[in-house]
Amino acid sequence: MVILPDSESISKSKADLDSPGTSSEPYQPSNPDPDSDNRDGPIETVISGDDTDEPPPFYTVIPATDETSDSTPDASAASSSWLRGVPLPKPTNTVSFTKRNGALKGQWVIDPSLVVPSSLLPALSAGESEETRRNFYVKAHNGALAAVVHLIPRPTAPDGRTRTTFEASTLNGSVKFALFEAVVKSCQPRRLPISLKLETLNGAIHIGIPRSFKGTIIGKTLNGGVKLSNDVEANVAYDTADGFTRRIFVGELVQDGSDPELENCDQIKADTKNGAIKIRYVDEGEIQTECTSERPRGVVGRLEAGDHRGMGRRRLLASKSDGS
């Protein structure tokens, strides 16, 4: 889980970075480009020119400790330096990324409480309305897709939407999606339910969900099956298979007979024609070794386990010194 430090922790971290004994080499941010899209508001672009189809790995999560503070940060605090080590992109409420050829990979921070001017929002897709506009949408036309998303939990959204929506798809290649939930003190706020839709025509689907997930998972594959980790399996309250589709409910079922797919429950729909669908919690260590076969590349690849605790800076400098 990603930890949002209080102002005292941020000041202490900044002082540590400014200390002469920390490193003889100046700290370089992960994205020094002044024209970067790491900003508040929507992100919409078409990327091209990536020669590799190897997506980044999933990352193990640092569990919450007693060092976390006792109050929920406001939106302005969450939009500033709320992580130690290699900085993540600034939180946004709307992401739209497409790529025509090659792998699409990256990491994003979603805060559903942010307000984006309508003039900056991307155009609505066919069949989409303002009420159903997705918070996160990435699509690769021909290549693997890997997304690491950090969700800042909010109980409500200013536009009145009742859930936070994510969608990722590719026509040909695997899909890997890891959803981390930020820890905002010991009193974790109730978040909006999530809706996640993942699709590929030819490739496996790997899903990492937060421990707070409670709701339905519908996985459909013509060749490969739907596979759950032991931890997820232990929390399954309902499980049925009908032909090529498996329907699962994770968490405690409401005993009043109400429909578990109502607005208060999370929802995941995963669909592939040829490939397995694998679902784990994001803090399960097996995800990292299973979903990558070589050394991670790029800034995203450098966010290995422990970087959120301040290790990112030292590892980033070490990677620069060895020429990687």
C-alpha atoms as a PDB file:
ATOM      1  CA  MET A   1       0.000   0.000   0.000  1.00  0.00           C
ATOM      2  CA  VAL A   2       1.205   3.505  -0.733  1.00  0.00           C
ATOM      3  CA  ILE A   3       1.631   5.637   2.392  1.00  0.00           C
ATOM      4  CA  LEU A   4       0.690   9.296   2.501  1.00  0.00           C
ATOM      5  CA  PRO A   5       2.982  10.918   5.111  1.00  0.00           C
ATOM      6  CA  ASP A   6       1.927  13.884   7.200  1.00  0.00           C
ATOM      7  CA  SER A   7       3.631  17.261   6.862  1.00  0.00           C
ATOM      8  CA  GLU A   8       6.116  16.477   9.628  1.00  0.00           C
ATOM      9  CA  SER A   9       7.245  13.308   7.845  1.00  0.00           C
ATOM     10  CA  ILE A  10       7.585  15.180   4.550  1.00  0.00           C
ATOM     11  CA  SER A  11       9.729  17.882   6.199  1.00  0.00           C
ATOM     12  CA  LYS A  12      11.926  15.252   7.817  1.00  0.00           C
ATOM     13  CA  SER A  13      12.307  13.416   4.515  1.00  0.00           C
ATOM     14  CA  LYS A  14      13.261  16.664   2.780  1.00  0.00           C
ATOM     15  CA  ALA A  15      15.850  17.400   5.444  1.00  0.00           C
ATOM     16  CA  ASP A  16      17.341  13.941   4.975  1.00  0.00           C
ATOM     17  CA  LEU A  17      17.675  14.509   1.246  1.00  0.00           C
ATOM     18  CA  ASP A  18      19.388  17.871   1.840  1.00  0.00           C
ATOM     19  CA  SER A  19      21.893  16.326   4.272  1.00  0.00           C
ATOM     20  CA  PRO A  20      25.500  16.259   2.933  1.00  0.00           C
ATOM     21  CA  GLY A  21      25.907  12.693   4.145  1.00  0.00           C
ATOM     22  CA  THR A  22      23.064  11.334   2.049  1.00  0.00           C
ATOM     23  CA  SER A  23      24.845  11.256  -1.276  1.00  0.00           C
ATOM     24  CA  SER A  24      27.627  13.043  -3.107  1.00  0.00           C
ATOM     25  CA  GLU A  25      25.552  13.072  -6.287  1.00  0.00           C
ATOM     26  CA  PRO A  26      22.563  15.424  -6.626  1.00  0.00           C
ATOM     27  CA  TYR A  27      19.134  13.856  -6.709  1.00  0.00           C
ATOM     28  CA  GLN A  28      17.583  13.649 -10.155  1.00  0.00           C
ATOM     29  CA  PRO A  29      13.800  13.481 -10.402  1.00  0.00           C
ATOM     30  CA  SER A  30      12.266  10.654 -12.358  1.00  0.00           C
ATOM     31  CA  ASN A  31      10.847  13.029 -14.974  1.00  0.00           C
ATOM     32  CA  PRO A  32      12.842  16.273 -15.276  1.00  0.00           C
ATOM     33  CA  ASP A  33      11.148  17.233 -18.565  1.00  0.00           C
ATOM     34  CA  PRO A  34       9.341  20.566 -18.012  1.00  0.00           C
ATOM     35  CA  ASP A  35       6.874  19.578 -20.731  1.00  0.00           C
ATOM     36  CA  SER A  36       5.928  16.387 -18.906  1.00  0.00           C
ATOM     37  CA  ASP A  37       2.271  15.359 -18.605  1.00  0.00           C
ATOM     38  CA  ASN A  38       2.749  14.777 -14.847  1.00  0.00           C
ATOM     39  CA  ARG A  39       0.291  17.402 -13.739  1.00  0.00           C
ATOM     40  CA  ASP A  40      -3.185  17.847 -12.330  1.00  0.00           C
ATOM     41  CA  GLY A  41      -5.994  17.439 -14.815  1.00  0.00           C
ATOM     42  CA  PRO A  42      -6.610  14.982 -17.626  1.00  0.00           C
ATOM     43  CA  ILE A  43      -3.860  13.284 -19.599  1.00  0.00           C
ATOM     44  CA  GLU A  44      -4.561  12.433 -23.217  1.00  0.00           C
ATOM     45  CA  THR A  45      -1.943  11.455 -25.754  1.00  0.00           C
ATOM     46  CA  VAL A  46      -1.027   8.983 -28.458  1.00  0.00           C
ATOM     47  CA  ILE A  47       2.378   7.366 -27.886  1.00  0.00           C
ATOM     48  CA  SER A  48       4.574   5.810 -30.540  1.00  0.00           C
ATOM     49  CA  GLY A  49       8.118   4.652 -31.101  1.00  0.00           C
ATOM     50  CA  ASP A  50       8.570   2.163 -28.236  1.00  0.00           C
ATOM     51  CA  ASP A  51      10.465  -0.829 -29.616  1.00  0.00           C
ATOM     52  CA  THR A  52       9.930  -3.142 -26.675  1.00  0.00           C
ATOM     53  CA  ASP A  53       6.902  -5.283 -25.925  1.00  0.00           C
ATOM     54  CA  GLU A  54       8.081  -6.160 -22.413  1.00  0.00           C
ATOM     55  CA  PRO A  55       5.795  -4.566 -19.794  1.00  0.00           C
ATOM     56  CA  PRO A  56       7.003  -3.617 -16.328  1.00  0.00           C
ATOM     57  CA  PRO A  57       6.530  -5.935 -13.366  1.00  0.00           C
ATOM     58  CA  PHE A  58       4.066  -5.663 -10.564  1.00  0.00           C
ATOM     59  CA  TYR A  59       5.530  -4.317  -7.358  1.00  0.00           C
ATOM     60  CA  THR A  60       5.283  -5.559  -3.817  1.00  0.00           C
ATOM     61  CA  VAL A  61       3.577  -3.218  -1.389  1.00  0.00           C
ATOM     62  CA  ILE A  62       4.861  -1.811   1.878  1.00  0.00           C
ATOM     63  CA  PRO A  63       2.277  -2.541   4.601  1.00  0.00           C
ATOM     64  CA  ALA A  64       0.974   0.188   6.857  1.00  0.00           C
ATOM     65  CA  THR A  65       2.756   0.739  10.164  1.00  0.00           C
ATOM     66  CA  ASP A  66       2.184   2.714  13.342  1.00  0.00           C
ATOM     67  CA  GLU A  67       4.207   5.506  11.783  1.00  0.00           C
ATOM     68  CA  THR A  68       1.226   6.490   9.649  1.00  0.00           C
ATOM     69  CA  SER A  69      -0.628   9.491  11.015  1.00  0.00           C
ATOM     70  CA  ASP A  70      -4.202   9.804  12.247  1.00  0.00           C
ATOM     71  CA  SER A  71      -5.954  12.202   9.856  1.00  0.00           C
ATOM     72  CA  THR A  72      -6.939  12.129   6.215  1.00  0.00           C
ATOM     73  CA  PRO A  73      -4.934  14.481   3.966  1.00  0.00           C
ATOM     74  CA  ASP A  74      -6.815  16.983   1.835  1.00  0.00           C
ATOM     75  CA  ALA A  75      -6.608  17.100  -1.952  1.00  0.00           C
ATOM     76  CA  SER A  76      -3.867  19.747  -1.968  1.00  0.00           C
ATOM     77  CA  ALA A  77      -1.656  17.643   0.285  1.00  0.00           C
ATOM     78  CA  ALA A  78      -2.225  14.584  -1.843  1.00  0.00           C
ATOM     79  CA  SER A  79      -1.286  16.555  -4.954  1.00  0.00           C
ATOM     80  CA  SER A  80       2.127  17.521  -3.559  1.00  0.00           C
ATOM     81  CA  SER A  81       5.140  15.473  -2.438  1.00  0.00           C
ATOM     82  CA  TRP A  82       3.153  12.722  -0.764  1.00  0.00           C
ATOM     83  CA  LEU A  83       5.592   9.880  -1.491  1.00  0.00           C
ATOM     84  CA  ARG A  84       9.235   9.508  -0.579  1.00  0.00           C
ATOM     85  CA  GLY A  85      11.878   8.361  -3.019  1.00  0.00           C
ATOM     86  CA  VAL A  86      11.206   8.417  -6.744  1.00  0.00           C
ATOM     87  CA  PRO A  87       8.127  10.641  -7.177  1.00  0.00           C
ATOM     88  CA  LEU A  88       4.985   9.353  -8.821  1.00  0.00           C
ATOM     89  CA  PRO A  89       2.976  11.479 -11.242  1.00  0.00           C
ATOM     90  CA  LYS A  90       0.705  14.066  -9.675  1.00  0.00           C
ATOM     91  CA  PRO A  91      -2.809  12.852  -8.933  1.00  0.00           C
ATOM     92  CA  THR A  92      -5.425  13.404 -11.613  1.00  0.00           C
ATOM     93  CA  ASN A  93      -9.082  12.571 -12.035  1.00  0.00           C
ATOM     94  CA  THR A  94      -9.047  11.703 -15.741  1.00  0.00           C
ATOM     95  CA  VAL A  95      -6.491   9.676 -17.701  1.00  0.00           C
ATOM     96  CA  SER A  96      -6.796   8.759 -21.380  1.00  0.00           C
ATOM     97  CA  PHE A  97      -3.873   7.022 -23.098  1.00  0.00           C
ATOM     98  CA  THR A  98      -3.747   5.201 -26.437  1.00  0.00           C
ATOM     99  CA  LYS A  99      -0.898   3.641 -28.372  1.00  0.00           C
ATOM    100  CA  ARG A 100      -1.079   2.351 -31.934  1.00  0.00           C
ATOM    101  CA  ASN A 101       1.846  -0.097 -31.979  1.00  0.00           C
ATOM    102  CA  GLY A 102       4.068  -1.573 -29.281  1.00  0.00           C
ATOM    103  CA  ALA A 103       3.673  -2.041 -25.539  1.00  0.00           C
ATOM    104  CA  LEU A 104       1.961   0.566 -23.389  1.00  0.00           C
ATOM    105  CA  LYS A 105       3.181   0.757 -19.803  1.00  0.00           C
ATOM    106  CA  GLY A 106       3.187   3.297 -17.026  1.00  0.00           C
ATOM    107  CA  GLN A 107       1.957   4.324 -13.609  1.00  0.00           C
ATOM    108  CA  TRP A 108      -0.671   6.815 -12.603  1.00  0.00           C
ATOM    109  CA  VAL A 109      -2.296   8.287  -9.491  1.00  0.00           C
ATOM    110  CA  ILE A 110      -6.080   8.700  -9.490  1.00  0.00           C
ATOM    111  CA  ASP A 111      -7.866  11.033  -7.072  1.00  0.00           C
ATOM    112  CA  PRO A 112     -11.623  11.034  -7.787  1.00  0.00           C
ATOM    113  CA  SER A 113     -12.112  14.152  -5.636  1.00  0.00           C
ATOM    114  CA  LEU A 114     -10.227  16.424  -8.048  1.00  0.00           C
ATOM    115  CA  VAL A 115     -12.240  18.783 -10.242  1.00  0.00           C
ATOM    116  CA  VAL A 116     -11.160  19.054 -13.890  1.00  0.00           C
ATOM    117  CA  PRO A 117     -12.499  21.903 -16.067  1.00  0.00           C
ATOM    118  CA  SER A 118     -14.770  20.566 -18.784  1.00  0.00           C
ATOM    119  CA  SER A 119     -12.684  22.311 -21.456  1.00  0.00           C
ATOM    120  CA  LEU A 120      -9.710  20.105 -20.528  1.00  0.00           C
ATOM    121  CA  LEU A 121     -11.539  16.795 -20.506  1.00  0.00           C
ATOM    122  CA  PRO A 122     -10.963  14.367 -23.399  1.00  0.00           C
ATOM    123  CA  ALA A 123     -13.766  13.799 -25.879  1.00  0.00           C
ATOM    124  CA  LEU A 124     -16.366  11.251 -24.863  1.00  0.00           C
ATOM    125  CA  SER A 125     -16.128   7.844 -26.510  1.00  0.00           C
ATOM    126  CA  ALA A 126     -19.015   6.317 -28.439  1.00  0.00           C
ATOM    127  CA  GLY A 127     -21.765   5.374 -26.007  1.00  0.00           C
ATOM    128  CA  GLU A 128     -20.138   7.303 -23.140  1.00  0.00           C
ATOM    129  CA  SER A 129     -21.804  10.164 -21.259  1.00  0.00           C
ATOM    130  CA  GLU A 130     -20.612  12.599 -18.617  1.00  0.00           C
ATOM    131  CA  GLU A 131     -22.239  10.378 -16.001  1.00  0.00           C
ATOM    132  CA  THR A 132     -20.343   7.314 -17.234  1.00  0.00           C
ATOM    133  CA  ARG A 133     -17.031   9.004 -18.113  1.00  0.00           C
ATOM    134  CA  ARG A 134     -14.123   6.777 -17.085  1.00  0.00           C
ATOM    135  CA  ASN A 135     -11.525   8.029 -14.616  1.00  0.00           C
ATOM    136  CA  PHE A 136      -8.875   5.874 -16.267  1.00  0.00           C
ATOM    137  CA  TYR A 137      -8.716   4.593 -19.852  1.00  0.00           C
ATOM    138  CA  VAL A 138      -5.688   3.096 -21.618  1.00  0.00           C
ATOM    139  CA  LYS A 139      -5.663   1.165 -24.876  1.00  0.00           C
ATOM    140  CA  ALA A 140      -2.926  -0.474 -26.946  1.00  0.00           C
ATOM    141  CA  HIS A 141      -3.930  -1.446 -30.471  1.00  0.00           C
ATOM    142  CA  ASN A 142      -1.160  -4.022 -30.955  1.00  0.00           C
ATOM    143  CA  GLY A 143       1.088  -4.758 -27.986  1.00  0.00           C
ATOM    144  CA  ALA A 144       1.209  -5.728 -24.328  1.00  0.00           C
ATOM    145  CA  LEU A 145      -0.263  -3.403 -21.728  1.00  0.00           C
ATOM    146  CA  ALA A 146       0.879  -2.903 -18.126  1.00  0.00           C
ATOM    147  CA  ALA A 147      -0.584  -0.302 -15.764  1.00  0.00           C
ATOM    148  CA  VAL A 148       0.255   0.439 -12.141  1.00  0.00           C
ATOM    149  CA  VAL A 149      -2.454   2.654 -10.646  1.00  0.00           C
ATOM    150  CA  HIS A 150      -2.459   4.223  -7.193  1.00  0.00           C
ATOM    151  CA  LEU A 151      -5.952   5.150  -5.992  1.00  0.00           C
ATOM    152  CA  ILE A 152      -6.452   7.825  -3.344  1.00  0.00           C
ATOM    153  CA  PRO A 153      -9.568   6.670  -1.460  1.00  0.00           C
ATOM    154  CA  ARG A 154     -12.389   9.207  -1.385  1.00  0.00           C
ATOM    155  CA  PRO A 155     -15.928   8.621  -0.066  1.00  0.00           C
ATOM    156  CA  THR A 156     -17.536  10.940  -2.640  1.00  0.00           C
ATOM    157  CA  ALA A 157     -16.807  12.638  -5.955  1.00  0.00           C
ATOM    158  CA  PRO A 158     -17.613  16.307  -6.651  1.00  0.00           C
ATOM    159  CA  ASP A 159     -19.343  15.420  -9.929  1.00  0.00           C
ATOM    160  CA  GLY A 160     -21.726  13.065  -8.157  1.00  0.00           C
ATOM    161  CA  ARG A 161     -20.417   9.845  -9.699  1.00  0.00           C
ATOM    162  CA  THR A 162     -20.971   6.830  -7.479  1.00  0.00           C
ATOM    163  CA  ARG A 163     -17.878   4.793  -8.432  1.00  0.00           C
ATOM    164  CA  THR A 164     -14.329   5.149  -9.748  1.00  0.00           C
ATOM    165  CA  THR A 165     -13.990   3.520 -13.168  1.00  0.00           C
ATOM    166  CA  PHE A 166     -10.953   1.979 -14.856  1.00  0.00           C
ATOM    167  CA  GLU A 167     -10.608   0.378 -18.286  1.00  0.00           C
ATOM    168  CA  ALA A 168      -7.580  -1.127 -20.036  1.00  0.00           C
ATOM    169  CA  SER A 169      -7.556  -3.083 -23.284  1.00  0.00           C
ATOM    170  CA  THR A 170      -5.393  -4.245 -26.160  1.00  0.00           C
ATOM    171  CA  LEU A 171      -6.154  -6.106 -29.360  1.00  0.00           C
ATOM    172  CA  ASN A 172      -3.114  -8.386 -29.192  1.00  0.00           C
ATOM    173  CA  GLY A 173      -0.956  -8.904 -26.102  1.00  0.00           C
ATOM    174  CA  SER A 174      -1.125  -9.494 -22.367  1.00  0.00           C
ATOM    175  CA  VAL A 175      -2.798  -7.101 -19.933  1.00  0.00           C
ATOM    176  CA  LYS A 176      -1.333  -6.488 -16.467  1.00  0.00           C
ATOM    177  CA  PHE A 177      -3.128  -4.162 -14.084  1.00  0.00           C
ATOM    178  CA  ALA A 178      -2.131  -3.479 -10.467  1.00  0.00           C
ATOM    179  CA  LEU A 179      -4.386  -1.292  -8.316  1.00  0.00           C
ATOM    180  CA  PHE A 180      -2.841   0.050  -5.110  1.00  0.00           C
ATOM    181  CA  GLU A 181      -4.917   1.861  -2.503  1.00  0.00           C
ATOM    182  CA  ALA A 182      -3.155   4.679  -0.684  1.00  0.00           C
ATOM    183  CA  VAL A 183      -3.048   4.450   3.100  1.00  0.00           C
ATOM    184  CA  VAL A 184      -4.189   7.712   4.633  1.00  0.00           C
ATOM    185  CA  LYS A 185      -3.729   7.179   8.357  1.00  0.00           C
ATOM    186  CA  SER A 186      -5.061   4.595  10.736  1.00  0.00           C
ATOM    187  CA  CYS A 187      -8.587   5.885  10.111  1.00  0.00           C
ATOM    188  CA  GLN A 188      -8.913   4.780   6.495  1.00  0.00           C
ATOM    189  CA  PRO A 189     -11.885   6.512   4.840  1.00  0.00           C
ATOM    190  CA  ARG A 190     -14.541   4.542   3.048  1.00  0.00           C
ATOM    191  CA  ARG A 191     -13.807   4.833  -0.664  1.00  0.00           C
ATOM    192  CA  LEU A 192     -16.063   4.898  -3.666  1.00  0.00           C
ATOM    193  CA  PRO A 193     -16.572   1.432  -5.153  1.00  0.00           C
ATOM    194  CA  ILE A 194     -14.397   0.660  -8.149  1.00  0.00           C
ATOM    195  CA  SER A 195     -15.325  -0.647 -11.574  1.00  0.00           C
ATOM    196  CA  LEU A 196     -12.513  -2.275 -13.566  1.00  0.00           C
ATOM    197  CA  LYS A 197     -12.805  -3.615 -17.115  1.00  0.00           C
ATOM    198  CA  LEU A 198      -9.885  -5.432 -18.787  1.00  0.00           C
ATOM    199  CA  GLU A 199      -9.912  -6.889 -22.301  1.00  0.00           C
ATOM    200  CA  THR A 200      -7.572  -8.511 -24.806  1.00  0.00           C
ATOM    201  CA  LEU A 201      -8.193 -10.704 -27.815  1.00  0.00           C
ATOM    202  CA  ASN A 202      -5.026 -12.758 -27.497  1.00  0.00           C
ATOM    203  CA  GLY A 203      -3.062 -12.803 -24.245  1.00  0.00           C
ATOM    204  CA  ALA A 204      -3.173 -13.455 -20.513  1.00  0.00           C
ATOM    205  CA  ILE A 205      -4.668 -11.019 -18.009  1.00  0.00           C
ATOM    206  CA  HIS A 206      -2.952 -10.433 -14.635  1.00  0.00           C
ATOM    207  CA  ILE A 207      -4.858  -8.440 -12.009  1.00  0.00           C
ATOM    208  CA  GLY A 208      -3.565  -7.131  -8.676  1.00  0.00           C
ATOM    209  CA  ILE A 209      -6.336  -5.887  -6.365  1.00  0.00           C
ATOM    210  CA  PRO A 210      -6.176  -4.077  -3.009  1.00  0.00           C
ATOM    211  CA  ARG A 211      -7.069  -5.912   0.189  1.00  0.00           C
ATOM    212  CA  SER A 212     -10.088  -3.640   0.551  1.00  0.00           C
ATOM    213  CA  PHE A 213     -11.693  -5.130  -2.563  1.00  0.00           C
ATOM    214  CA  LYS A 214     -15.209  -6.389  -1.911  1.00  0.00           C
ATOM    215  CA  GLY A 215     -17.422  -7.309  -4.822  1.00  0.00           C
ATOM    216  CA  THR A 216     -17.855  -9.327  -7.980  1.00  0.00           C
ATOM    217  CA  ILE A 217     -15.245 -10.638 -10.398  1.00  0.00           C
ATOM    218  CA  ILE A 218     -16.436 -11.938 -13.764  1.00  0.00           C
ATOM    219  CA  GLY A 219     -13.726 -13.601 -15.829  1.00  0.00           C
ATOM    220  CA  LYS A 220     -14.294 -14.967 -19.316  1.00  0.00           C
ATOM    221  CA  THR A 221     -11.712 -16.836 -21.374  1.00  0.00           C
ATOM    222  CA  LEU A 222     -12.115 -19.351 -24.177  1.00  0.00           C
ATOM    223  CA  ASN A 223      -8.759 -20.989 -23.481  1.00  0.00           C
ATOM    224  CA  GLY A 224      -6.878 -20.641 -20.197  1.00  0.00           C
ATOM    225  CA  GLY A 225      -9.205 -20.487 -17.197  1.00  0.00           C
ATOM    226  CA  VAL A 226      -9.599 -18.062 -14.280  1.00  0.00           C
ATOM    227  CA  LYS A 227      -7.064 -18.595 -11.488  1.00  0.00           C
ATOM    228  CA  LEU A 228      -7.057 -17.049  -7.999  1.00  0.00           C
ATOM    229  CA  SER A 229      -4.199 -16.771  -5.532  1.00  0.00           C
ATOM    230  CA  ASN A 230      -4.570 -18.611  -2.236  1.00  0.00           C
ATOM    231  CA  ASP A 231      -5.270 -15.378  -0.344  1.00  0.00           C
ATOM    232  CA  VAL A 232      -7.992 -14.282  -2.744  1.00  0.00           C
ATOM    233  CA  GLU A 233      -9.455 -17.792  -2.782  1.00  0.00           C
ATOM    234  CA  ALA A 234      -9.713 -17.703   1.009  1.00  0.00           C
ATOM    235  CA  ASN A 235     -11.980 -14.636   0.814  1.00  0.00           C
ATOM    236  CA  VAL A 236     -14.331 -15.989  -1.861  1.00  0.00           C
ATOM    237  CA  ALA A 237     -17.937 -16.166  -0.653  1.00  0.00           C
ATOM    238  CA  TYR A 238     -19.486 -17.243  -3.948  1.00  0.00           C
ATOM    239  CA  ASP A 239     -17.941 -19.011  -6.947  1.00  0.00           C
ATOM    240  CA  THR A 240     -19.605 -20.495 -10.005  1.00  0.00           C
ATOM    241  CA  ALA A 241     -18.526 -21.437 -13.524  1.00  0.00           C
ATOM    242  CA  ASP A 242     -20.811 -21.489 -16.548  1.00  0.00           C
ATOM    243  CA  GLY A 243     -19.131 -22.536 -19.764  1.00  0.00           C
ATOM    244  CA  PHE A 244     -16.222 -20.151 -20.348  1.00  0.00           C
ATOM    245  CA  THR A 245     -17.294 -17.650 -17.663  1.00  0.00           C
ATOM    246  CA  ARG A 246     -16.457 -17.733 -13.949  1.00  0.00           C
ATOM    247  CA  ARG A 247     -18.363 -15.513 -11.493  1.00  0.00           C
ATOM    248  CA  ILE A 248     -16.846 -14.828  -8.087  1.00  0.00           C
ATOM    249  CA  PHE A 249     -17.797 -12.707  -5.097  1.00  0.00           C
ATOM    250  CA  VAL A 250     -14.896 -11.674  -2.854  1.00  0.00           C
ATOM    251  CA  GLY A 251     -15.748 -10.558   0.673  1.00  0.00           C
ATOM    252  CA  GLU A 252     -18.673 -11.042   3.009  1.00  0.00           C
ATOM    253  CA  LEU A 253     -22.077 -11.370   1.362  1.00  0.00           C
ATOM    254  CA  VAL A 254     -24.846  -9.158   2.674  1.00  0.00           C
ATOM    255  CA  GLN A 255     -27.355 -11.388   4.448  1.00  0.00           C
ATOM    256  CA  ASP A 256     -30.467  -9.364   3.576  1.00  0.00           C
ATOM    257  CA  GLY A 257     -30.814 -10.968   0.153  1.00  0.00           C
ATOM    258  CA  SER A 258     -29.788  -7.859  -1.806  1.00  0.00           C
ATOM    259  CA  ASP A 259     -27.943  -8.093  -5.111  1.00  0.00           C
ATOM    260  CA  PRO A 260     -24.133  -8.127  -4.537  1.00  0.00           C
ATOM    261  CA  GLU A 261     -23.672  -6.201  -7.804  1.00  0.00           C
ATOM    262  CA  LEU A 262     -25.356  -3.053  -6.468  1.00  0.00           C
ATOM    263  CA  GLU A 263     -23.587   0.300  -6.275  1.00  0.00           C
ATOM    264  CA  ASN A 264     -21.874  -0.367  -2.953  1.00  0.00           C
ATOM    265  CA  CYS A 265     -19.784  -3.256  -4.300  1.00  0.00           C
ATOM    266  CA  ASP A 266     -16.627  -3.302  -6.411  1.00  0.00           C
ATOM    267  CA  GLN A 267     -16.796  -4.831  -9.880  1.00  0.00           C
ATOM    268  CA  ILE A 268     -14.185  -6.420 -12.149  1.00  0.00           C
ATOM    269  CA  LYS A 269     -14.814  -7.758 -15.639  1.00  0.00           C
ATOM    270  CA  ALA A 270     -11.945  -9.472 -17.463  1.00  0.00           C
ATOM    271  CA  ASP A 271     -12.287 -10.919 -20.949  1.00  0.00           C
ATOM    272  CA  THR A 272      -9.754 -12.665 -23.186  1.00  0.00           C
ATOM    273  CA  LYS A 273     -10.205 -15.086 -26.055  1.00  0.00           C
ATOM    274  CA  ASN A 274      -6.911 -16.936 -25.594  1.00  0.00           C
ATOM    275  CA  GLY A 275      -5.065 -16.774 -22.273  1.00  0.00           C
ATOM    276  CA  ALA A 276      -5.441 -17.280 -18.536  1.00  0.00           C
ATOM    277  CA  ILE A 277      -6.892 -14.708 -16.139  1.00  0.00           C
ATOM    278  CA  LYS A 278      -4.905 -14.533 -12.883  1.00  0.00           C
ATOM    279  CA  ILE A 279      -6.019 -12.531  -9.851  1.00  0.00           C
ATOM    280  CA  ARG A 280      -3.961 -11.740  -6.747  1.00  0.00           C
ATOM    281  CA  TYR A 281      -3.730  -9.125  -4.033  1.00  0.00           C
ATOM    282  CA  VAL A 282      -1.133  -6.490  -4.913  1.00  0.00           C
ATOM    283  CA  ASP A 283       0.857  -7.186  -1.750  1.00  0.00           C
ATOM    284  CA  GLU A 284       1.401 -10.853  -2.611  1.00  0.00           C
ATOM    285  CA  GLY A 285       5.065 -11.326  -3.459  1.00  0.00           C
ATOM    286  CA  GLU A 286       4.440 -13.971  -6.108  1.00  0.00           C
ATOM    287  CA  ILE A 287       3.115 -11.350  -8.520  1.00  0.00           C
ATOM    288  CA  GLN A 288       6.509  -9.744  -9.086  1.00  0.00           C
ATOM    289  CA  THR A 289       8.353 -12.958  -9.979  1.00  0.00           C
ATOM    290  CA  GLU A 290       5.519 -14.388 -12.007  1.00  0.00           C
ATOM    291  CA  CYS A 291       4.872 -11.388 -14.209  1.00  0.00           C
ATOM    292  CA  THR A 292       8.388 -10.467 -15.287  1.00  0.00           C
ATOM    293  CA  SER A 293      11.297 -12.433 -16.707  1.00  0.00           C
ATOM    294  CA  GLU A 294      14.036  -9.821 -16.914  1.00  0.00           C
ATOM    295  CA  ARG A 295      15.397  -6.768 -15.164  1.00  0.00           C
ATOM    296  CA  PRO A 296      12.868  -3.904 -15.101  1.00  0.00           C
ATOM    297  CA  ARG A 297      13.618  -1.027 -17.437  1.00  0.00           C
ATOM    298  CA  GLY A 298      12.951   2.692 -17.102  1.00  0.00           C
ATOM    299  CA  VAL A 299      11.786   4.780 -14.182  1.00  0.00           C
ATOM    300  CA  VAL A 300       8.741   2.582 -13.599  1.00  0.00           C
ATOM    301  CA  GLY A 301      10.972  -0.468 -13.458  1.00  0.00           C
ATOM    302  CA  ARG A 302      13.118   1.167 -10.778  1.00  0.00           C
ATOM    303  CA  LEU A 303      10.171   1.360  -8.379  1.00  0.00           C
ATOM    304  CA  GLU A 304      11.048  -1.924  -6.737  1.00  0.00           C
ATOM    305  CA  ALA A 305       9.803  -3.092  -3.370  1.00  0.00           C
ATOM    306  CA  GLY A 306      10.800  -0.617  -0.677  1.00  0.00           C
ATOM    307  CA  ASP A 307      11.116   2.440  -2.889  1.00  0.00           C
ATOM    308  CA  HIS A 308       8.059   4.011  -1.275  1.00  0.00           C
ATOM    309  CA  ARG A 309       9.994   4.076   2.017  1.00  0.00           C
ATOM    310  CA  GLY A 310      12.757   6.290   0.689  1.00  0.00           C
ATOM    311  CA  MET A 311      14.879   3.665  -1.035  1.00  0.00           C
ATOM    312  CA  GLY A 312      14.059   4.978  -4.503  1.00  0.00           C
ATOM    313  CA  ARG A 313      16.611   7.770  -4.402  1.00  0.00           C
ATOM    314  CA  ARG A 314      19.524   5.505  -3.522  1.00  0.00           C
ATOM    315  CA  ARG A 315      18.536   2.858  -6.062  1.00  0.00           C
ATOM    316  CA  LEU A 316      18.058   5.478  -8.764  1.00  0.00           C
ATOM    317  CA  LEU A 317      21.529   6.883  -8.132  1.00  0.00           C
ATOM    318  CA  ALA A 318      22.987   3.369  -8.069  1.00  0.00           C
ATOM    319  CA  SER A 319      21.413   2.576 -11.429  1.00  0.00           C
ATOM    320  CA  LYS A 320      22.903   5.754 -12.898  1.00  0.00           C
ATOM    321  CA  SER A 321      26.364   4.857 -11.629  1.00  0.00           C
ATOM    322  CA  ASP A 322      26.345   1.389 -13.218  1.00  0.00           C
ATOM    323  CA  GLY A 323      25.235   2.804 -16.550  1.00  0.00           C
ATOM    324  CA  SER A 324      21.692   1.428 -16.611  1.00  0.00           C
END
